[in-house]
Amino acid sequence: MTSMESKDEVFVMVLVDLAGICKKLADNSAVPDALRARARQFAQEFDTLLPDPGKGTPAQHAQGEELLCKITRFLPNVLPGLE
């Protein structure tokens, strides 16, 4: 496996995990509605982005990187929203 393939594999693993967190937040009634809606939006974006994992195009990869950045900027807002 090349270093690029390893990097891509780790990237996909992290994105899948973060999307899973967003799905859990979207389904949790303890999370404020606005945050749940945003989490649901990210989860849906992830689901439409890569319907067949491992077979992404370069454009999908770029969209995945953008989604990863958006989710990582969003998640720190969750805990203060619960206070």
C-alpha atoms as a PDB file:
ATOM      1  CA  MET A   1       0.000   0.000   0.000  1.00  0.00           C
ATOM      2  CA  THR A   2       1.410   3.393  -0.963  1.00  0.00           C
ATOM      3  CA  SER A   3       1.518   6.293   1.438  1.00  0.00           C
ATOM      4  CA  MET A   4      -1.247   8.025  -0.557  1.00  0.00           C
ATOM      5  CA  GLU A   5      -3.469   4.950  -0.251  1.00  0.00           C
ATOM      6  CA  SER A   6      -2.769   4.861   3.493  1.00  0.00           C
ATOM      7  CA  LYS A   7      -3.612   8.543   3.798  1.00  0.00           C
ATOM      8  CA  ASP A   8      -6.851   8.036   1.864  1.00  0.00           C
ATOM      9  CA  GLU A   9      -7.775   5.051   4.025  1.00  0.00           C
ATOM     10  CA  VAL A  10      -7.265   7.030   7.228  1.00  0.00           C
ATOM     11  CA  PHE A  11      -9.165   9.997   5.777  1.00  0.00           C
ATOM     12  CA  VAL A  12     -12.163   7.813   4.934  1.00  0.00           C
ATOM     13  CA  MET A  13     -12.040   6.138   8.355  1.00  0.00           C
ATOM     14  CA  VAL A  14     -12.101   9.519  10.136  1.00  0.00           C
ATOM     15  CA  LEU A  15     -14.859  10.883   7.903  1.00  0.00           C
ATOM     16  CA  VAL A  16     -16.999   7.779   8.450  1.00  0.00           C
ATOM     17  CA  ASP A  17     -16.565   8.093  12.222  1.00  0.00           C
ATOM     18  CA  LEU A  18     -17.382  11.808  12.265  1.00  0.00           C
ATOM     19  CA  ALA A  19     -20.456  11.250  10.096  1.00  0.00           C
ATOM     20  CA  GLY A  20     -21.520   8.538  12.538  1.00  0.00           C
ATOM     21  CA  ILE A  21     -21.189  11.011  15.407  1.00  0.00           C
ATOM     22  CA  CYS A  22     -23.337  13.474  13.482  1.00  0.00           C
ATOM     23  CA  LYS A  23     -25.994  10.781  12.953  1.00  0.00           C
ATOM     24  CA  LYS A  24     -26.041  10.053  16.696  1.00  0.00           C
ATOM     25  CA  LEU A  25     -26.314  13.753  17.532  1.00  0.00           C
ATOM     26  CA  ALA A  26     -29.167  14.168  15.050  1.00  0.00           C
ATOM     27  CA  ASP A  27     -31.092  11.375  16.783  1.00  0.00           C
ATOM     28  CA  ASN A  28     -30.447  12.576  20.346  1.00  0.00           C
ATOM     29  CA  SER A  29     -33.331  14.580  21.810  1.00  0.00           C
ATOM     30  CA  ALA A  30     -31.006  16.118  24.438  1.00  0.00           C
ATOM     31  CA  VAL A  31     -29.260  18.068  21.666  1.00  0.00           C
ATOM     32  CA  PRO A  32     -30.883  21.425  20.813  1.00  0.00           C
ATOM     33  CA  ASP A  33     -32.958  21.408  17.628  1.00  0.00           C
ATOM     34  CA  ALA A  34     -30.662  23.759  15.707  1.00  0.00           C
ATOM     35  CA  LEU A  35     -27.621  21.578  16.406  1.00  0.00           C
ATOM     36  CA  ARG A  36     -29.571  18.411  15.609  1.00  0.00           C
ATOM     37  CA  ALA A  37     -30.638  19.894  12.268  1.00  0.00           C
ATOM     38  CA  ARG A  38     -27.065  20.820  11.394  1.00  0.00           C
ATOM     39  CA  ALA A  39     -25.790  17.370  12.426  1.00  0.00           C
ATOM     40  CA  ARG A  40     -28.525  15.750  10.320  1.00  0.00           C
ATOM     41  CA  GLN A  41     -27.489  17.893   7.357  1.00  0.00           C
ATOM     42  CA  PHE A  42     -23.883  16.699   7.653  1.00  0.00           C
ATOM     43  CA  ALA A  43     -24.977  13.071   7.966  1.00  0.00           C
ATOM     44  CA  GLN A  44     -27.159  13.362   4.872  1.00  0.00           C
ATOM     45  CA  GLU A  45     -24.377  15.072   2.950  1.00  0.00           C
ATOM     46  CA  PHE A  46     -22.066  12.211   3.863  1.00  0.00           C
ATOM     47  CA  ASP A  47     -24.642   9.600   2.791  1.00  0.00           C
ATOM     48  CA  THR A  48     -25.082  11.199  -0.632  1.00  0.00           C
ATOM     49  CA  LEU A  49     -21.381  11.876  -1.055  1.00  0.00           C
ATOM     50  CA  LEU A  50     -20.171   8.322  -0.987  1.00  0.00           C
ATOM     51  CA  PRO A  51     -22.857   5.724  -1.617  1.00  0.00           C
ATOM     52  CA  ASP A  52     -20.186   3.146  -2.470  1.00  0.00           C
ATOM     53  CA  PRO A  53     -17.197   3.498  -0.088  1.00  0.00           C
ATOM     54  CA  GLY A  54     -13.795   2.927  -1.649  1.00  0.00           C
ATOM     55  CA  LYS A  55     -14.920   3.901  -5.129  1.00  0.00           C
ATOM     56  CA  GLY A  56     -14.815   7.699  -4.860  1.00  0.00           C
ATOM     57  CA  THR A  57     -13.832  10.022  -7.658  1.00  0.00           C
ATOM     58  CA  PRO A  58     -11.357  12.881  -7.185  1.00  0.00           C
ATOM     59  CA  ALA A  59     -14.323  15.293  -7.028  1.00  0.00           C
ATOM     60  CA  GLN A  60     -15.955  13.202  -4.291  1.00  0.00           C
ATOM     61  CA  HIS A  61     -12.653  13.117  -2.424  1.00  0.00           C
ATOM     62  CA  ALA A  62     -12.481  16.924  -2.539  1.00  0.00           C
ATOM     63  CA  GLN A  63     -16.083  17.155  -1.331  1.00  0.00           C
ATOM     64  CA  GLY A  64     -15.227  14.711   1.443  1.00  0.00           C
ATOM     65  CA  GLU A  65     -12.322  16.889   2.554  1.00  0.00           C
ATOM     66  CA  GLU A  66     -14.623  19.900   2.635  1.00  0.00           C
ATOM     67  CA  LEU A  67     -17.212  17.957   4.639  1.00  0.00           C
ATOM     68  CA  LEU A  68     -14.543  16.793   7.077  1.00  0.00           C
ATOM     69  CA  CYS A  69     -13.536  20.415   7.685  1.00  0.00           C
ATOM     70  CA  LYS A  70     -17.155  21.508   8.160  1.00  0.00           C
ATOM     71  CA  ILE A  71     -17.861  18.736  10.669  1.00  0.00           C
ATOM     72  CA  THR A  72     -14.693  19.413  12.654  1.00  0.00           C
ATOM     73  CA  ARG A  73     -15.641  23.099  12.881  1.00  0.00           C
ATOM     74  CA  PHE A  74     -19.182  22.172  13.970  1.00  0.00           C
ATOM     75  CA  LEU A  75     -18.468  19.616  16.700  1.00  0.00           C
ATOM     76  CA  PRO A  76     -16.926  22.042  19.248  1.00  0.00           C
ATOM     77  CA  ASN A  77     -20.280  23.899  19.248  1.00  0.00           C
ATOM     78  CA  VAL A  78     -22.160  20.873  20.528  1.00  0.00           C
ATOM     79  CA  LEU A  79     -21.021  20.807  24.153  1.00  0.00           C
ATOM     80  CA  PRO A  80     -21.645  24.507  24.864  1.00  0.00           C
ATOM     81  CA  GLY A  81     -25.062  24.035  23.240  1.00  0.00           C
ATOM     82  CA  LEU A  82     -25.928  21.440  25.873  1.00  0.00           C
ATOM     83  CA  GLU A  83     -25.228  23.741  28.833  1.00  0.00           C
END
